[in-house]
PDB file of N, CA and C in Angstrom:
ATOM      1  N   MET A   1       1.055  -1.026   0.093  1.00  0.00           N
ATOM      2  CA  MET A   1       0.072   0.098  -0.087  1.00  0.00           C
ATOM      3  C   MET A   1       0.940   1.348   0.047  1.00  0.00           C
ATOM      4  N   PRO A   2       0.562   2.185  -0.864  1.00  0.00           N
ATOM      5  CA  PRO A   2       1.536   3.363  -0.945  1.00  0.00           C
ATOM      6  C   PRO A   2       1.349   4.217   0.403  1.00  0.00           C
ATOM      7  N   VAL A   3       2.356   5.024   0.701  1.00  0.00           N
ATOM      8  CA  VAL A   3       2.338   5.626   1.782  1.00  0.00           C
ATOM      9  C   VAL A   3       1.722   7.104   1.632  1.00  0.00           C
ATOM     10  N   MET A   4       0.831   7.676   2.390  1.00  0.00           N
ATOM     11  CA  MET A   4       0.094   8.984   2.343  1.00  0.00           C
ATOM     12  C   MET A   4       0.751   9.832   3.078  1.00  0.00           C
ATOM     13  N   SER A   5       0.835  11.072   2.586  1.00  0.00           N
ATOM     14  CA  SER A   5       1.365  12.225   3.508  1.00  0.00           C
ATOM     15  C   SER A   5       0.256  12.755   4.342  1.00  0.00           C
ATOM     16  N   GLY A   6       0.707  13.647   5.226  1.00  0.00           N
ATOM     17  CA  GLY A   6      -0.415  14.302   6.059  1.00  0.00           C
ATOM     18  C   GLY A   6      -1.297  15.229   5.182  1.00  0.00           C
ATOM     19  N   LEU A   7      -0.614  15.864   4.216  1.00  0.00           N
ATOM     20  CA  LEU A   7      -1.439  16.702   3.453  1.00  0.00           C
ATOM     21  C   LEU A   7      -2.490  15.849   2.410  1.00  0.00           C
ATOM     22  N   GLU A   8      -1.979  14.721   2.068  1.00  0.00           N
ATOM     23  CA  GLU A   8      -2.791  13.974   1.244  1.00  0.00           C
ATOM     24  C   GLU A   8      -4.044  13.248   2.075  1.00  0.00           C
ATOM     25  N   LEU A   9      -3.714  12.913   3.360  1.00  0.00           N
ATOM     26  CA  LEU A   9      -4.664  12.494   4.323  1.00  0.00           C
ATOM     27  C   LEU A   9      -5.695  13.530   4.370  1.00  0.00           C
ATOM     28  N   LEU A  10      -5.301  14.620   4.890  1.00  0.00           N
ATOM     29  CA  LEU A  10      -6.376  15.725   4.937  1.00  0.00           C
ATOM     30  C   LEU A  10      -7.136  15.943   3.861  1.00  0.00           C
ATOM     31  N   THR A  11      -6.521  16.141   2.708  1.00  0.00           N
ATOM     32  CA  THR A  11      -7.546  16.278   1.480  1.00  0.00           C
ATOM     33  C   THR A  11      -8.503  15.162   1.178  1.00  0.00           C
ATOM     34  N   HIS A  12      -7.972  13.835   1.336  1.00  0.00           N
ATOM     35  CA  HIS A  12      -8.853  12.713   1.442  1.00  0.00           C
ATOM     36  C   HIS A  12      -9.997  12.844   2.405  1.00  0.00           C
ATOM     37  N   LEU A  13      -9.755  13.166   3.563  1.00  0.00           N
ATOM     38  CA  LEU A  13     -10.816  13.189   4.555  1.00  0.00           C
ATOM     39  C   LEU A  13     -11.695  14.259   4.299  1.00  0.00           C
ATOM     40  N   ARG A  14     -11.252  15.396   3.949  1.00  0.00           N
ATOM     41  CA  ARG A  14     -12.192  16.677   3.539  1.00  0.00           C
ATOM     42  C   ARG A  14     -12.959  16.171   2.431  1.00  0.00           C
ATOM     43  N   ALA A  15     -12.493  15.514   1.398  1.00  0.00           N
ATOM     44  CA  ALA A  15     -13.066  15.107   0.108  1.00  0.00           C
ATOM     45  C   ALA A  15     -14.360  14.149   0.387  1.00  0.00           C
ATOM     46  N   GLN A  16     -14.023  13.320   1.495  1.00  0.00           N
ATOM     47  CA  GLN A  16     -15.089  12.302   2.026  1.00  0.00           C
ATOM     48  C   GLN A  16     -16.275  12.937   2.990  1.00  0.00           C
ATOM     49  N   GLY A  17     -16.066  14.194   3.432  1.00  0.00           N
ATOM     50  CA  GLY A  17     -16.999  14.820   3.924  1.00  0.00           C
ATOM     51  C   GLY A  17     -16.469  14.970   5.471  1.00  0.00           C
ATOM     52  N   HIS A  18     -15.646  14.580   6.053  1.00  0.00           N
ATOM     53  CA  HIS A  18     -15.058  14.460   7.548  1.00  0.00           C
ATOM     54  C   HIS A  18     -14.559  15.767   7.614  1.00  0.00           C
ATOM     55  N   GLY A  19     -15.052  16.339   8.918  1.00  0.00           N
ATOM     56  CA  GLY A  19     -14.703  17.805   9.186  1.00  0.00           C
ATOM     57  C   GLY A  19     -14.145  17.655  10.644  1.00  0.00           C
ATOM     58  N   MET A  20     -13.302  16.556  10.991  1.00  0.00           N
ATOM     59  CA  MET A  20     -12.673  16.706  12.315  1.00  0.00           C
ATOM     60  C   MET A  20     -11.442  17.607  12.338  1.00  0.00           C
ATOM     61  N   PRO A  21     -11.184  18.127  13.358  1.00  0.00           N
ATOM     62  CA  PRO A  21      -9.898  19.091  13.382  1.00  0.00           C
ATOM     63  C   PRO A  21      -8.776  18.346  13.223  1.00  0.00           C
ATOM     64  N   PHE A  22      -7.947  19.039  12.409  1.00  0.00           N
ATOM     65  CA  PHE A  22      -6.534  18.424  12.041  1.00  0.00           C
ATOM     66  C   PHE A  22      -5.442  19.258  12.558  1.00  0.00           C
ATOM     67  N   ILE A  23      -4.463  18.873  13.130  1.00  0.00           N
ATOM     68  CA  ILE A  23      -3.209  19.508  13.469  1.00  0.00           C
ATOM     69  C   ILE A  23      -2.076  18.842  12.808  1.00  0.00           C
ATOM     70  N   PHE A  24      -1.439  19.825  12.142  1.00  0.00           N
ATOM     71  CA  PHE A  24      -0.072  19.062  11.622  1.00  0.00           C
ATOM     72  C   PHE A  24       0.949  19.192  12.502  1.00  0.00           C
ATOM     73  N   ILE A  25       1.926  18.204  12.712  1.00  0.00           N
ATOM     74  CA  ILE A  25       3.052  18.329  13.433  1.00  0.00           C
ATOM     75  C   ILE A  25       4.149  17.765  12.574  1.00  0.00           C
ATOM     76  N   THR A  26       5.192  18.520  12.138  1.00  0.00           N
ATOM     77  CA  THR A  26       6.335  18.005  11.288  1.00  0.00           C
ATOM     78  C   THR A  26       7.488  18.318  11.802  1.00  0.00           C
ATOM     79  N   ALA A  27       8.691  17.757  11.388  1.00  0.00           N
ATOM     80  CA  ALA A  27       9.874  18.120  11.631  1.00  0.00           C
ATOM     81  C   ALA A  27      10.575  18.664  10.403  1.00  0.00           C
ATOM     82  N   PHE A  28       9.717  18.787   9.318  1.00  0.00           N
ATOM     83  CA  PHE A  28      10.242  19.239   7.869  1.00  0.00           C
ATOM     84  C   PHE A  28       9.211  20.397   7.462  1.00  0.00           C
ATOM     85  N   PRO A  29       9.211  21.588   8.076  1.00  0.00           N
ATOM     86  CA  PRO A  29       8.291  22.531   7.823  1.00  0.00           C
ATOM     87  C   PRO A  29       8.634  23.066   6.324  1.00  0.00           C
ATOM     88  N   GLU A  30       7.727  23.262   5.476  1.00  0.00           N
ATOM     89  CA  GLU A  30       8.009  23.922   4.129  1.00  0.00           C
ATOM     90  C   GLU A  30       6.839  24.821   4.155  1.00  0.00           C
ATOM     91  N   GLU A  31       7.065  26.071   3.749  1.00  0.00           N
ATOM     92  CA  GLU A  31       5.971  27.106   3.742  1.00  0.00           C
ATOM     93  C   GLU A  31       4.876  26.794   2.791  1.00  0.00           C
ATOM     94  N   SER A  32       5.336  26.180   1.641  1.00  0.00           N
ATOM     95  CA  SER A  32       4.099  25.842   0.560  1.00  0.00           C
ATOM     96  C   SER A  32       3.231  24.673   1.157  1.00  0.00           C
ATOM     97  N   VAL A  33       3.782  23.891   1.878  1.00  0.00           N
ATOM     98  CA  VAL A  33       3.091  22.741   2.525  1.00  0.00           C
ATOM     99  C   VAL A  33       2.242  23.324   3.650  1.00  0.00           C
ATOM    100  N   ARG A  34       2.845  24.160   4.430  1.00  0.00           N
ATOM    101  CA  ARG A  34       1.934  24.942   5.449  1.00  0.00           C
ATOM    102  C   ARG A  34       0.821  25.691   4.920  1.00  0.00           C
ATOM    103  N   ALA A  35       1.115  26.349   3.857  1.00  0.00           N
ATOM    104  CA  ALA A  35       0.055  27.109   3.296  1.00  0.00           C
ATOM    105  C   ALA A  35      -1.027  26.282   2.565  1.00  0.00           C
ATOM    106  N   ARG A  36      -0.865  25.162   2.100  1.00  0.00           N
ATOM    107  CA  ARG A  36      -1.825  24.255   1.452  1.00  0.00           C
ATOM    108  C   ARG A  36      -2.645  23.472   2.663  1.00  0.00           C
ATOM    109  N   ALA A  37      -1.922  23.290   3.770  1.00  0.00           N
ATOM    110  CA  ALA A  37      -2.325  22.564   4.827  1.00  0.00           C
ATOM    111  C   ALA A  37      -3.589  23.538   5.610  1.00  0.00           C
ATOM    112  N   LEU A  38      -3.148  24.764   5.684  1.00  0.00           N
ATOM    113  CA  LEU A  38      -4.138  25.567   6.201  1.00  0.00           C
ATOM    114  C   LEU A  38      -5.245  25.990   5.583  1.00  0.00           C
ATOM    115  N   LYS A  39      -4.899  26.051   3.915  1.00  0.00           N
ATOM    116  CA  LYS A  39      -6.014  26.301   3.136  1.00  0.00           C
ATOM    117  C   LYS A  39      -6.961  25.169   3.161  1.00  0.00           C
ATOM    118  N   ALA A  40      -6.539  23.898   3.217  1.00  0.00           N
ATOM    119  CA  ALA A  40      -7.193  22.622   3.325  1.00  0.00           C
ATOM    120  C   ALA A  40      -8.153  22.468   4.586  1.00  0.00           C
ATOM    121  N   GLY A  41      -7.804  23.187   5.464  1.00  0.00           N
ATOM    122  CA  GLY A  41      -8.595  23.380   6.676  1.00  0.00           C
ATOM    123  C   GLY A  41      -7.873  22.851   8.134  1.00  0.00           C
ATOM    124  N   ALA A  42      -6.703  22.581   8.030  1.00  0.00           N
ATOM    125  CA  ALA A  42      -5.637  22.418   9.154  1.00  0.00           C
ATOM    126  C   ALA A  42      -6.049  23.516  10.259  1.00  0.00           C
ATOM    127  N   ILE A  43      -6.043  23.126  11.529  1.00  0.00           N
ATOM    128  CA  ILE A  43      -6.280  23.967  12.473  1.00  0.00           C
ATOM    129  C   ILE A  43      -4.744  24.747  12.861  1.00  0.00           C
ATOM    130  N   CYS A  44      -3.793  23.875  12.839  1.00  0.00           N
ATOM    131  CA  CYS A  44      -2.332  24.497  13.103  1.00  0.00           C
ATOM    132  C   CYS A  44      -1.415  23.649  12.404  1.00  0.00           C
ATOM    133  N   PHE A  45      -0.176  24.239  12.012  1.00  0.00           N
ATOM    134  CA  PHE A  45       1.040  23.720  11.427  1.00  0.00           C
ATOM    135  C   PHE A  45       2.027  23.961  12.387  1.00  0.00           C
ATOM    136  N   LEU A  46       2.342  22.864  13.202  1.00  0.00           N
ATOM    137  CA  LEU A  46       3.359  23.078  14.100  1.00  0.00           C
ATOM    138  C   LEU A  46       4.635  22.294  13.674  1.00  0.00           C
ATOM    139  N   ALA A  47       5.790  23.212  13.850  1.00  0.00           N
ATOM    140  CA  ALA A  47       7.177  22.506  13.317  1.00  0.00           C
ATOM    141  C   ALA A  47       7.786  22.019  14.701  1.00  0.00           C
ATOM    142  N   LYS A  48       8.376  21.100  14.689  1.00  0.00           N
ATOM    143  CA  LYS A  48       9.239  20.585  15.801  1.00  0.00           C
ATOM    144  C   LYS A  48      10.664  21.397  15.813  1.00  0.00           C
ATOM    145  N   PRO A  49      11.002  21.683  16.922  1.00  0.00           N
ATOM    146  CA  PRO A  49      10.422  21.628  18.337  1.00  0.00           C
ATOM    147  C   PRO A  49       9.525  22.500  18.615  1.00  0.00           C
ATOM    148  N   PHE A  50       8.432  22.397  19.430  1.00  0.00           N
ATOM    149  CA  PHE A  50       7.435  23.432  19.618  1.00  0.00           C
ATOM    150  C   PHE A  50       7.326  23.256  21.132  1.00  0.00           C
ATOM    151  N   ASP A  51       6.659  24.520  21.653  1.00  0.00           N
ATOM    152  CA  ASP A  51       6.604  24.312  23.239  1.00  0.00           C
ATOM    153  C   ASP A  51       5.250  23.956  23.408  1.00  0.00           C
ATOM    154  N   GLY A  52       5.000  23.709  24.750  1.00  0.00           N
ATOM    155  CA  GLY A  52       3.686  22.939  25.245  1.00  0.00           C
ATOM    156  C   GLY A  52       2.513  24.110  25.156  1.00  0.00           C
ATOM    157  N   PRO A  53       2.881  25.474  25.531  1.00  0.00           N
ATOM    158  CA  PRO A  53       1.783  26.268  25.267  1.00  0.00           C
ATOM    159  C   PRO A  53       1.238  26.401  23.758  1.00  0.00           C
ATOM    160  N   THR A  54       1.874  26.348  22.888  1.00  0.00           N
ATOM    161  CA  THR A  54       1.515  26.468  21.468  1.00  0.00           C
ATOM    162  C   THR A  54       0.825  25.144  21.155  1.00  0.00           C
ATOM    163  N   LEU A  55       1.165  24.094  21.760  1.00  0.00           N
ATOM    164  CA  LEU A  55       0.309  22.947  21.352  1.00  0.00           C
ATOM    165  C   LEU A  55      -0.901  22.964  22.116  1.00  0.00           C
ATOM    166  N   VAL A  56      -1.033  23.441  23.392  1.00  0.00           N
ATOM    167  CA  VAL A  56      -2.304  23.655  23.989  1.00  0.00           C
ATOM    168  C   VAL A  56      -3.182  24.549  23.304  1.00  0.00           C
ATOM    169  N   SER A  57      -2.647  25.645  22.944  1.00  0.00           N
ATOM    170  CA  SER A  57      -3.561  26.753  22.123  1.00  0.00           C
ATOM    171  C   SER A  57      -4.045  26.169  21.005  1.00  0.00           C
ATOM    172  N   CYS A  58      -3.496  25.199  20.221  1.00  0.00           N
ATOM    173  CA  CYS A  58      -3.867  24.614  19.049  1.00  0.00           C
ATOM    174  C   CYS A  58      -4.970  23.611  19.531  1.00  0.00           C
ATOM    175  N   LEU A  59      -4.811  22.892  20.689  1.00  0.00           N
ATOM    176  CA  LEU A  59      -5.850  21.994  21.011  1.00  0.00           C
ATOM    177  C   LEU A  59      -7.057  22.777  21.363  1.00  0.00           C
ATOM    178  N   HIS A  60      -6.987  23.921  22.100  1.00  0.00           N
ATOM    179  CA  HIS A  60      -8.186  24.853  22.389  1.00  0.00           C
ATOM    180  C   HIS A  60      -8.909  25.196  21.058  1.00  0.00           C
ATOM    181  N   THR A  61      -8.043  25.554  20.234  1.00  0.00           N
ATOM    182  CA  THR A  61      -8.849  25.974  18.958  1.00  0.00           C
ATOM    183  C   THR A  61      -9.523  24.851  18.266  1.00  0.00           C
ATOM    184  N   ALA A  62      -8.904  23.653  18.331  1.00  0.00           N
ATOM    185  CA  ALA A  62      -9.393  22.418  17.692  1.00  0.00           C
ATOM    186  C   ALA A  62     -10.710  22.188  18.495  1.00  0.00           C
ATOM    187  N   LEU A  63     -10.782  22.026  19.800  1.00  0.00           N
ATOM    188  CA  LEU A  63     -11.981  21.983  20.703  1.00  0.00           C
ATOM    189  C   LEU A  63     -13.238  23.061  20.390  1.00  0.00           C
ATOM    190  N   ALA A  64     -12.540  24.061  20.094  1.00  0.00           N
ATOM    191  CA  ALA A  64     -13.696  25.075  20.017  1.00  0.00           C
ATOM    192  C   ALA A  64     -14.323  24.963  18.634  1.00  0.00           C
ATOM    193  N   ARG A  65     -13.658  24.553  17.663  1.00  0.00           N
ATOM    194  CA  ARG A  65     -14.230  24.512  16.395  1.00  0.00           C
ATOM    195  C   ARG A  65     -15.099  23.282  16.435  1.00  0.00           C
ATOM    196  N   GLN A  66     -14.581  22.197  17.180  1.00  0.00           N
ATOM    197  CA  GLN A  66     -15.392  20.829  17.230  1.00  0.00           C
ATOM    198  C   GLN A  66     -16.677  21.259  17.845  1.00  0.00           C
ATOM    199  N   ASP A  67     -16.664  22.004  18.758  1.00  0.00           N
ATOM    200  CA  ASP A  67     -18.042  22.406  19.607  1.00  0.00           C
ATOM    201  C   ASP A  67     -18.750  23.570  18.970  1.00  0.00           C
ATOM    202  N   GLY A  68     -18.408  23.906  17.624  1.00  0.00           N
ATOM    203  CA  GLY A  68     -19.347  24.829  17.048  1.00  0.00           C
ATOM    204  C   GLY A  68     -18.859  26.281  17.261  1.00  0.00           C
ATOM    205  N   GLY A  69     -17.501  26.372  17.738  1.00  0.00           N
ATOM    206  CA  GLY A  69     -17.069  27.643  17.901  1.00  0.00           C
ATOM    207  C   GLY A  69     -17.190  28.275  19.246  1.00  0.00           C
ATOM    208  N   THR A  70     -17.948  27.596  20.190  1.00  0.00           N
ATOM    209  CA  THR A  70     -18.264  27.985  21.413  1.00  0.00           C
ATOM    210  C   THR A  70     -17.037  28.021  22.542  1.00  0.00           C
ATOM    211  N   GLY A  71     -16.269  27.005  22.302  1.00  0.00           N
ATOM    212  CA  GLY A  71     -14.953  26.815  23.221  1.00  0.00           C
ATOM    213  C   GLY A  71     -15.431  26.255  24.451  1.00  0.00           C
ATOM    214  N   GLU A  72     -16.816  25.866  24.680  1.00  0.00           N
ATOM    215  CA  GLU A  72     -17.249  25.409  25.932  1.00  0.00           C
ATOM    216  C   GLU A  72     -17.482  23.881  25.804  1.00  0.00           C
TER     217      GLU A  72
END
């Protein structure tokens, strides 16, 4: 089975109608991939190493969107 990139996975899931929050974490950040991922609906695009508060902020954003934007 061919390996699927994170961007390909996100695109495939969105095409199938899945709206789950998606946070990219990568050790190889490329600006073109970052832009495409965010355009495709990723919540955050984190490059390693990143700090705990940045991840927590992304998780809060993801949860708020999952809850319909209320954050509650």
